[in-house]
Amino acid sequence: MELGLKGRVAVITGASKGVGKGVARALAAEGVNIVLVARGREALVQAAEDIEETFSVHALPVEADVTDTASVRAAAETVREHFGAAHILVNNAGAAIKRQDREITWDDSDWINQVQIKSVGALRMIREFLPLMPHDGTGRIINIAGASGSMAWMPALTYGLNNAALMHVTGYLAADLADAWPWCAC
């Protein structure tokens, strides 16, 4: 399928495995240069090498933690230095934690950590990468959120909370950035 994306740059969080890696591969198949963002360097490098060899595009592994503002800023600066722009931002970092105890009994720090990764992490990425995106309506911000954001899913209390928050952020930004800024969808 030809989507007309060849030569663009996509930044994807949580890109070293799972859905994020799958999105990276799908975009690379369209000729998009890929910036893989995640915390684990080894898996990032391996994913980047695989993408470059398979799809003949540039794949840049960037070790960054979306819960840390300085880390996200450094990632944006790295993308600016290597590519000069980011056309697509895919916020995918964050997943449900599988534990045996009830989430309502978790310590505050466990809840806060989950919110920092999925919801606030996406906001950080958008804030720092927005200046690198085209202002002509061709940029894309894609926030990956699950169905648990619109319905109760046991046993994923904070996962559902995060997905609902990300859906709200997406709707807000779609309206706020509608005047020739990047298009935003969930």
C-alpha atoms as a PDB file:
ATOM      1  CA  MET A   1       0.000   0.000   0.000  1.00  0.00           C
ATOM      2  CA  GLU A   2       1.385   3.427  -0.927  1.00  0.00           C
ATOM      3  CA  LEU A   3       0.474   6.059   1.667  1.00  0.00           C
ATOM      4  CA  GLY A   4       2.690   8.851   0.326  1.00  0.00           C
ATOM      5  CA  LEU A   5       4.855   8.927   3.445  1.00  0.00           C
ATOM      6  CA  LYS A   6       8.235   8.051   1.916  1.00  0.00           C
ATOM      7  CA  GLY A   7      11.083  10.108   3.363  1.00  0.00           C
ATOM      8  CA  ARG A   8       9.138  11.399   6.360  1.00  0.00           C
ATOM      9  CA  VAL A   9      10.274  10.900   9.945  1.00  0.00           C
ATOM     10  CA  ALA A  10       8.211   9.080  12.578  1.00  0.00           C
ATOM     11  CA  VAL A  11       8.989   9.119  16.304  1.00  0.00           C
ATOM     12  CA  ILE A  12       7.499   6.163  18.182  1.00  0.00           C
ATOM     13  CA  THR A  13       7.582   5.619  21.945  1.00  0.00           C
ATOM     14  CA  GLY A  14       7.620   2.136  23.416  1.00  0.00           C
ATOM     15  CA  ALA A  15       9.131   1.097  20.089  1.00  0.00           C
ATOM     16  CA  SER A  16      11.532  -1.642  21.136  1.00  0.00           C
ATOM     17  CA  LYS A  17       8.839  -4.350  21.292  1.00  0.00           C
ATOM     18  CA  GLY A  18       5.145  -5.137  20.912  1.00  0.00           C
ATOM     19  CA  VAL A  19       2.730  -2.650  19.351  1.00  0.00           C
ATOM     20  CA  GLY A  20       5.345   0.105  19.122  1.00  0.00           C
ATOM     21  CA  LYS A  21       7.764  -2.083  17.204  1.00  0.00           C
ATOM     22  CA  GLY A  22       4.918  -3.242  14.957  1.00  0.00           C
ATOM     23  CA  VAL A  23       3.952   0.366  14.177  1.00  0.00           C
ATOM     24  CA  ALA A  24       7.608   1.172  13.457  1.00  0.00           C
ATOM     25  CA  ARG A  25       7.864  -1.730  11.016  1.00  0.00           C
ATOM     26  CA  ALA A  26       4.605  -0.799   9.264  1.00  0.00           C
ATOM     27  CA  LEU A  27       5.717   2.805   8.780  1.00  0.00           C
ATOM     28  CA  ALA A  28       9.188   1.699   7.663  1.00  0.00           C
ATOM     29  CA  ALA A  29       7.516  -0.486   5.016  1.00  0.00           C
ATOM     30  CA  GLU A  30       6.057   2.782   3.643  1.00  0.00           C
ATOM     31  CA  GLY A  31       9.543   4.317   3.395  1.00  0.00           C
ATOM     32  CA  VAL A  32       9.300   6.352   6.601  1.00  0.00           C
ATOM     33  CA  ASN A  33      12.510   6.967   8.553  1.00  0.00           C
ATOM     34  CA  ILE A  34      12.022   5.749  12.101  1.00  0.00           C
ATOM     35  CA  VAL A  35      13.057   7.072  15.511  1.00  0.00           C
ATOM     36  CA  LEU A  36      12.574   4.315  18.075  1.00  0.00           C
ATOM     37  CA  VAL A  37      12.198   5.634  21.623  1.00  0.00           C
ATOM     38  CA  ALA A  38      12.252   3.412  24.718  1.00  0.00           C
ATOM     39  CA  ARG A  39      14.203   2.836  27.921  1.00  0.00           C
ATOM     40  CA  GLY A  40      16.089  -0.350  27.015  1.00  0.00           C
ATOM     41  CA  ARG A  41      19.091   0.402  24.793  1.00  0.00           C
ATOM     42  CA  GLU A  42      19.868  -3.160  23.718  1.00  0.00           C
ATOM     43  CA  ALA A  43      16.355  -3.920  22.440  1.00  0.00           C
ATOM     44  CA  LEU A  44      16.210  -0.499  20.725  1.00  0.00           C
ATOM     45  CA  VAL A  45      19.457  -1.064  18.841  1.00  0.00           C
ATOM     46  CA  GLN A  46      18.348  -4.538  17.783  1.00  0.00           C
ATOM     47  CA  ALA A  47      14.969  -3.227  16.554  1.00  0.00           C
ATOM     48  CA  ALA A  48      16.647  -0.363  14.660  1.00  0.00           C
ATOM     49  CA  GLU A  49      19.116  -2.705  12.958  1.00  0.00           C
ATOM     50  CA  ASP A  50      16.296  -5.054  11.964  1.00  0.00           C
ATOM     51  CA  ILE A  51      14.255  -2.188  10.491  1.00  0.00           C
ATOM     52  CA  GLU A  52      17.195  -0.749   8.537  1.00  0.00           C
ATOM     53  CA  GLU A  53      18.142  -4.149   7.103  1.00  0.00           C
ATOM     54  CA  THR A  54      14.578  -5.121   6.231  1.00  0.00           C
ATOM     55  CA  PHE A  55      13.219  -1.843   4.857  1.00  0.00           C
ATOM     56  CA  SER A  56      16.277   0.201   3.769  1.00  0.00           C
ATOM     57  CA  VAL A  57      15.256   3.290   5.753  1.00  0.00           C
ATOM     58  CA  HIS A  58      17.075   5.157   8.496  1.00  0.00           C
ATOM     59  CA  ALA A  59      16.198   3.849  11.956  1.00  0.00           C
ATOM     60  CA  LEU A  60      17.557   5.798  14.901  1.00  0.00           C
ATOM     61  CA  PRO A  61      17.439   4.197  18.371  1.00  0.00           C
ATOM     62  CA  VAL A  62      16.987   6.843  21.075  1.00  0.00           C
ATOM     63  CA  GLU A  63      17.134   5.703  24.673  1.00  0.00           C
ATOM     64  CA  ALA A  64      14.762   7.967  26.597  1.00  0.00           C
ATOM     65  CA  ASP A  65      12.358   7.818  29.517  1.00  0.00           C
ATOM     66  CA  VAL A  66       9.028   9.563  28.887  1.00  0.00           C
ATOM     67  CA  THR A  67       8.648  10.119  32.651  1.00  0.00           C
ATOM     68  CA  ASP A  68      11.680  12.422  32.632  1.00  0.00           C
ATOM     69  CA  THR A  69      11.364  15.862  31.015  1.00  0.00           C
ATOM     70  CA  ALA A  70      15.115  16.260  30.467  1.00  0.00           C
ATOM     71  CA  SER A  71      15.250  12.856  28.771  1.00  0.00           C
ATOM     72  CA  VAL A  72      12.373  13.750  26.427  1.00  0.00           C
ATOM     73  CA  ARG A  73      13.974  17.119  25.604  1.00  0.00           C
ATOM     74  CA  ALA A  74      17.253  15.378  24.820  1.00  0.00           C
ATOM     75  CA  ALA A  75      15.392  12.951  22.542  1.00  0.00           C
ATOM     76  CA  ALA A  76      13.783  15.860  20.674  1.00  0.00           C
ATOM     77  CA  GLU A  77      17.179  17.526  20.281  1.00  0.00           C
ATOM     78  CA  THR A  78      18.652  14.279  18.937  1.00  0.00           C
ATOM     79  CA  VAL A  79      15.876  14.076  16.343  1.00  0.00           C
ATOM     80  CA  ARG A  80      16.405  17.735  15.412  1.00  0.00           C
ATOM     81  CA  GLU A  81      20.143  17.104  14.915  1.00  0.00           C
ATOM     82  CA  HIS A  82      19.686  13.924  12.862  1.00  0.00           C
ATOM     83  CA  PHE A  83      16.599  14.697  10.796  1.00  0.00           C
ATOM     84  CA  GLY A  84      15.674  18.355  11.336  1.00  0.00           C
ATOM     85  CA  ALA A  85      11.977  17.496  11.679  1.00  0.00           C
ATOM     86  CA  ALA A  86       9.467  14.954  12.941  1.00  0.00           C
ATOM     87  CA  HIS A  87       6.386  14.445  10.762  1.00  0.00           C
ATOM     88  CA  ILE A  88       4.687  11.729  12.793  1.00  0.00           C
ATOM     89  CA  LEU A  89       4.607  11.183  16.559  1.00  0.00           C
ATOM     90  CA  VAL A  90       3.183   7.918  17.890  1.00  0.00           C
ATOM     91  CA  ASN A  91       2.689   7.854  21.669  1.00  0.00           C
ATOM     92  CA  ASN A  92       2.636   4.183  22.565  1.00  0.00           C
ATOM     93  CA  ALA A  93       4.646   3.906  25.813  1.00  0.00           C
ATOM     94  CA  GLY A  94       2.887   2.336  28.778  1.00  0.00           C
ATOM     95  CA  ALA A  95       1.058  -0.905  29.446  1.00  0.00           C
ATOM     96  CA  ALA A  96      -1.049  -2.577  32.076  1.00  0.00           C
ATOM     97  CA  ILE A  97       0.916  -4.011  34.979  1.00  0.00           C
ATOM     98  CA  LYS A  98       0.117  -7.603  35.773  1.00  0.00           C
ATOM     99  CA  ARG A  99       0.032  -8.063  39.540  1.00  0.00           C
ATOM    100  CA  GLN A 100      -2.007 -10.310  41.785  1.00  0.00           C
ATOM    101  CA  ASP A 101      -3.073  -7.657  44.300  1.00  0.00           C
ATOM    102  CA  ARG A 102      -5.956  -5.252  43.717  1.00  0.00           C
ATOM    103  CA  GLU A 103      -4.893  -1.958  42.189  1.00  0.00           C
ATOM    104  CA  ILE A 104      -6.972   0.028  44.645  1.00  0.00           C
ATOM    105  CA  THR A 105      -4.596  -1.231  47.355  1.00  0.00           C
ATOM    106  CA  TRP A 106      -1.435  -0.083  45.544  1.00  0.00           C
ATOM    107  CA  ASP A 107       0.829   2.552  46.980  1.00  0.00           C
ATOM    108  CA  ASP A 108       0.431   6.069  45.540  1.00  0.00           C
ATOM    109  CA  SER A 109       3.845   5.815  43.903  1.00  0.00           C
ATOM    110  CA  ASP A 110       2.686   2.837  41.797  1.00  0.00           C
ATOM    111  CA  TRP A 111      -0.363   4.765  40.544  1.00  0.00           C
ATOM    112  CA  ILE A 112       1.673   7.885  39.881  1.00  0.00           C
ATOM    113  CA  ASN A 113       4.312   5.930  37.974  1.00  0.00           C
ATOM    114  CA  GLN A 114       1.657   4.499  35.651  1.00  0.00           C
ATOM    115  CA  VAL A 115       0.134   7.937  35.008  1.00  0.00           C
ATOM    116  CA  GLN A 116       3.609   9.403  34.425  1.00  0.00           C
ATOM    117  CA  ILE A 117       4.353   6.850  31.712  1.00  0.00           C
ATOM    118  CA  LYS A 118       1.152   6.800  29.644  1.00  0.00           C
ATOM    119  CA  SER A 119      -0.669  10.101  30.180  1.00  0.00           C
ATOM    120  CA  VAL A 120       1.928  12.638  31.265  1.00  0.00           C
ATOM    121  CA  GLY A 121       4.590  10.946  29.133  1.00  0.00           C
ATOM    122  CA  ALA A 122       2.456  11.496  26.029  1.00  0.00           C
ATOM    123  CA  LEU A 123       1.947  15.157  26.972  1.00  0.00           C
ATOM    124  CA  ARG A 124       5.716  15.594  27.397  1.00  0.00           C
ATOM    125  CA  MET A 125       6.400  14.029  24.019  1.00  0.00           C
ATOM    126  CA  ILE A 126       3.805  16.207  22.299  1.00  0.00           C
ATOM    127  CA  ARG A 127       5.087  19.387  23.947  1.00  0.00           C
ATOM    128  CA  GLU A 128       8.719  18.714  23.050  1.00  0.00           C
ATOM    129  CA  PHE A 129       8.152  17.370  19.524  1.00  0.00           C
ATOM    130  CA  LEU A 130       5.446  19.808  18.390  1.00  0.00           C
ATOM    131  CA  PRO A 131       8.056  22.447  17.428  1.00  0.00           C
ATOM    132  CA  LEU A 132       9.674  19.866  15.102  1.00  0.00           C
ATOM    133  CA  MET A 133       6.427  19.124  13.283  1.00  0.00           C
ATOM    134  CA  PRO A 134       5.242  20.831  10.098  1.00  0.00           C
ATOM    135  CA  HIS A 135       2.672  23.592  10.587  1.00  0.00           C
ATOM    136  CA  ASP A 136       0.973  22.982   7.254  1.00  0.00           C
ATOM    137  CA  GLY A 137      -1.502  20.320   8.349  1.00  0.00           C
ATOM    138  CA  THR A 138       0.647  17.365   7.236  1.00  0.00           C
ATOM    139  CA  GLY A 139       1.975  16.412  10.678  1.00  0.00           C
ATOM    140  CA  ARG A 140       0.393  13.565  12.601  1.00  0.00           C
ATOM    141  CA  ILE A 141       0.138  12.844  16.324  1.00  0.00           C
ATOM    142  CA  ILE A 142      -1.200   9.365  17.017  1.00  0.00           C
ATOM    143  CA  ASN A 143      -1.937   8.366  20.598  1.00  0.00           C
ATOM    144  CA  ILE A 144      -2.324   4.641  21.202  1.00  0.00           C
ATOM    145  CA  ALA A 145      -5.118   4.025  23.712  1.00  0.00           C
ATOM    146  CA  GLY A 146      -7.041   0.864  24.466  1.00  0.00           C
ATOM    147  CA  ALA A 147     -10.748   0.211  24.868  1.00  0.00           C
ATOM    148  CA  SER A 148     -10.283   0.229  28.642  1.00  0.00           C
ATOM    149  CA  GLY A 149     -10.428   4.014  28.375  1.00  0.00           C
ATOM    150  CA  SER A 150     -14.137   3.866  27.602  1.00  0.00           C
ATOM    151  CA  MET A 151     -15.223   0.830  29.620  1.00  0.00           C
ATOM    152  CA  ALA A 152     -14.271  -0.902  32.841  1.00  0.00           C
ATOM    153  CA  TRP A 153     -11.713  -3.628  32.316  1.00  0.00           C
ATOM    154  CA  MET A 154     -10.673  -5.825  35.205  1.00  0.00           C
ATOM    155  CA  PRO A 155      -8.087  -5.752  36.669  1.00  0.00           C
ATOM    156  CA  ALA A 156      -6.690  -2.621  35.017  1.00  0.00           C
ATOM    157  CA  LEU A 157      -7.635   0.426  37.101  1.00  0.00           C
ATOM    158  CA  THR A 158      -4.748   2.750  36.199  1.00  0.00           C
ATOM    159  CA  TYR A 159      -4.510   1.374  32.668  1.00  0.00           C
ATOM    160  CA  GLY A 160      -8.132   2.372  32.049  1.00  0.00           C
ATOM    161  CA  LEU A 161      -7.630   5.734  33.737  1.00  0.00           C
ATOM    162  CA  ASN A 162      -4.624   6.406  31.490  1.00  0.00           C
ATOM    163  CA  ASN A 163      -6.420   5.396  28.310  1.00  0.00           C
ATOM    164  CA  ALA A 164      -9.398   7.614  29.169  1.00  0.00           C
ATOM    165  CA  ALA A 165      -7.039  10.512  29.862  1.00  0.00           C
ATOM    166  CA  LEU A 166      -5.203   9.948  26.579  1.00  0.00           C
ATOM    167  CA  MET A 167      -8.503   9.883  24.678  1.00  0.00           C
ATOM    168  CA  HIS A 168      -9.381  13.234  26.263  1.00  0.00           C
ATOM    169  CA  VAL A 169      -5.958  14.698  25.415  1.00  0.00           C
ATOM    170  CA  THR A 170      -6.413  13.536  21.824  1.00  0.00           C
ATOM    171  CA  GLY A 171      -9.827  15.181  21.462  1.00  0.00           C
ATOM    172  CA  TYR A 172      -8.554  18.369  23.057  1.00  0.00           C
ATOM    173  CA  LEU A 173      -5.518  18.580  20.774  1.00  0.00           C
ATOM    174  CA  ALA A 174      -7.541  17.719  17.665  1.00  0.00           C
ATOM    175  CA  ALA A 175      -9.612  20.854  18.339  1.00  0.00           C
ATOM    176  CA  ASP A 176      -6.793  23.043  19.656  1.00  0.00           C
ATOM    177  CA  LEU A 177      -4.378  22.270  16.798  1.00  0.00           C
ATOM    178  CA  ALA A 178      -6.976  22.229  14.013  1.00  0.00           C
ATOM    179  CA  ASP A 179      -5.683  25.420  12.371  1.00  0.00           C
ATOM    180  CA  ALA A 180      -2.969  23.873  10.135  1.00  0.00           C
ATOM    181  CA  TRP A 181      -1.039  22.222  12.954  1.00  0.00           C
ATOM    182  CA  PRO A 182      -0.560  18.469  13.145  1.00  0.00           C
ATOM    183  CA  TRP A 183      -3.634  16.306  12.967  1.00  0.00           C
ATOM    184  CA  CYS A 184      -4.187  14.371  16.204  1.00  0.00           C
ATOM    185  CA  ALA A 185      -5.983  11.020  16.531  1.00  0.00           C
ATOM    186  CA  CYS A 186      -6.280   8.125  18.940  1.00  0.00           C
END
